[in-house]
Amino acid sequence: MAKFYGKIGYVHPEELTPGVYDNTPKEYPYYGDVLSNYRHLEDGEQVNGDITVNNMISIVADAFAFDHFFAMKYIWWMGVRWQIKKVEVKRPRLILTLGGVYNGPEAGASDDP
């Protein structure tokens, strides 16, 4: 089983001024294991198909992760931000199922996890 170390992006809407919200993610580092590692190419109506990974990563979760697993949006893995499609709670771990490449707002401008 391969080991994992990377950051997970959480999105918490924050009210900047009355009626104005910011959805900028905050990233937190985690350790864990890669449970499964495979990809799926989806042919669509575009020129190049979408790459989807259906990998499962098990992280050792802290209290913050257990309290905010609903706000997890992406995970840094293999140098790419991947969508978190599903989170399964199995204390003391969270099992994350990944999907396609994450294209939403990012926590920072760097390309490093």
Protein backbone atom coordinates (compact mmCIF):
# COMPACT_ATOMS: atom_id res chain seq x y z
CA MET A 1 0.00 0.00 0.00
CA ALA A 2 1.42 3.38 -1.01
CA LYS A 3 1.73 6.20 1.51
CA PHE A 4 0.12 9.61 1.09
CA TYR A 5 1.08 13.06 2.29
CA GLY A 6 -0.67 16.11 0.89
CA LYS A 7 -3.01 18.99 1.48
CA ILE A 8 -6.79 19.00 1.47
CA GLY A 9 -8.70 22.14 0.52
CA TYR A 10 -11.74 23.03 2.64
CA VAL A 11 -14.25 25.64 1.48
CA HIS A 12 -16.02 27.57 4.22
CA PRO A 13 -18.07 30.56 3.05
CA GLU A 14 -16.88 33.60 5.02
CA GLU A 15 -18.87 36.81 5.21
CA LEU A 16 -16.54 39.70 4.34
CA THR A 17 -19.17 42.42 4.61
CA PRO A 18 -22.92 42.06 5.07
CA GLY A 19 -24.19 40.07 2.09
CA VAL A 20 -20.71 39.54 0.53
CA TYR A 21 -19.20 36.07 0.92
CA ASP A 22 -15.81 34.64 0.02
CA ASN A 23 -15.33 30.95 -0.90
CA THR A 24 -11.53 30.84 -0.94
CA PRO A 25 -10.36 27.40 0.25
CA LYS A 26 -7.98 26.85 3.14
CA GLU A 27 -5.55 23.93 2.90
CA TYR A 28 -4.48 21.61 5.70
CA PRO A 29 -1.84 18.81 5.47
CA TYR A 30 -2.64 15.14 6.16
CA TYR A 31 -0.92 11.76 6.18
CA GLY A 32 -2.51 8.55 5.01
CA ASP A 33 -2.53 5.61 2.61
CA VAL A 34 -3.53 5.17 -1.04
CA LEU A 35 -6.04 2.31 -0.97
CA SER A 36 -6.71 2.06 -4.70
CA ASN A 37 -5.03 3.68 -7.67
CA TYR A 38 -6.67 3.68 -11.11
CA ARG A 39 -8.03 6.06 -13.72
CA HIS A 40 -11.00 6.22 -16.06
CA LEU A 41 -11.14 8.09 -19.38
CA GLU A 42 -14.59 9.50 -20.11
CA ASP A 43 -15.31 10.16 -23.77
CA GLY A 44 -17.61 13.10 -24.11
CA GLU A 45 -18.59 15.49 -26.82
CA GLN A 46 -15.31 17.36 -26.57
CA VAL A 47 -12.12 16.73 -28.51
CA ASN A 48 -10.22 15.33 -25.52
CA GLY A 49 -11.95 13.11 -22.99
CA ASP A 50 -12.01 13.91 -19.28
CA ILE A 51 -9.66 11.99 -17.02
CA THR A 52 -11.27 10.78 -13.85
CA VAL A 53 -9.46 8.94 -11.10
CA ASN A 54 -11.52 6.73 -8.84
CA ASN A 55 -8.75 6.45 -6.30
CA MET A 56 -9.42 5.98 -2.64
CA ILE A 57 -7.17 7.66 -0.10
CA SER A 58 -7.44 6.99 3.61
CA ILE A 59 -6.26 9.87 5.80
CA VAL A 60 -5.56 9.93 9.51
CA ALA A 61 -8.13 12.52 10.51
CA ASP A 62 -7.98 15.06 13.29
CA ALA A 63 -10.92 16.65 15.11
CA PHE A 64 -11.13 19.44 12.52
CA ALA A 65 -11.41 16.93 9.65
CA PHE A 66 -14.19 14.99 11.41
CA ASP A 67 -16.11 18.18 12.17
CA HIS A 68 -15.70 19.65 8.66
CA PHE A 69 -15.54 16.67 6.27
CA PHE A 70 -18.58 18.10 4.46
CA ALA A 71 -16.47 21.13 3.41
CA MET A 72 -13.65 19.11 1.76
CA LYS A 73 -13.48 20.11 -1.92
CA TYR A 74 -10.12 18.95 -3.28
CA ILE A 75 -6.97 17.06 -2.46
CA TRP A 76 -3.41 17.57 -3.72
CA TRP A 77 -2.18 14.26 -5.10
CA MET A 78 0.52 13.52 -7.68
CA GLY A 79 0.97 17.27 -8.31
CA VAL A 80 -2.68 17.87 -9.27
CA ARG A 81 -5.73 19.09 -7.37
CA TRP A 82 -8.43 16.37 -7.57
CA GLN A 83 -12.10 16.73 -6.61
CA ILE A 84 -13.20 14.84 -3.54
CA LYS A 85 -16.35 13.04 -4.65
CA LYS A 86 -17.14 11.05 -1.52
CA VAL A 87 -16.03 10.97 2.12
CA GLU A 88 -16.61 7.91 4.28
CA VAL A 89 -16.16 8.22 8.05
CA LYS A 90 -14.32 5.24 9.58
CA ARG A 91 -12.79 6.52 12.79
CA PRO A 92 -9.92 7.29 13.24
CA ARG A 93 -9.74 7.72 9.45
CA LEU A 94 -11.64 9.32 6.61
CA ILE A 95 -11.79 7.44 3.30
CA LEU A 96 -11.78 9.91 0.37
CA THR A 97 -12.90 8.90 -3.11
CA LEU A 98 -11.46 11.14 -5.81
CA GLY A 99 -13.03 12.25 -9.08
CA GLY A 100 -11.89 14.58 -11.85
CA VAL A 101 -9.46 17.47 -11.84
CA TYR A 102 -10.56 20.29 -9.53
CA ASN A 103 -11.12 23.56 -11.40
CA GLY A 104 -12.62 25.72 -8.66
CA PRO A 105 -11.09 28.47 -6.52
CA GLU A 106 -7.67 27.67 -5.09
CA ALA A 107 -6.09 28.46 -1.75
CA GLY A 108 -2.96 29.97 -3.23
CA ALA A 109 -1.19 30.81 -6.45
CA SER A 110 1.54 28.20 -6.06
CA ASP A 111 1.49 24.88 -7.88
CA ASP A 112 3.12 23.02 -4.99
CA PRO A 113 1.20 21.04 -2.38
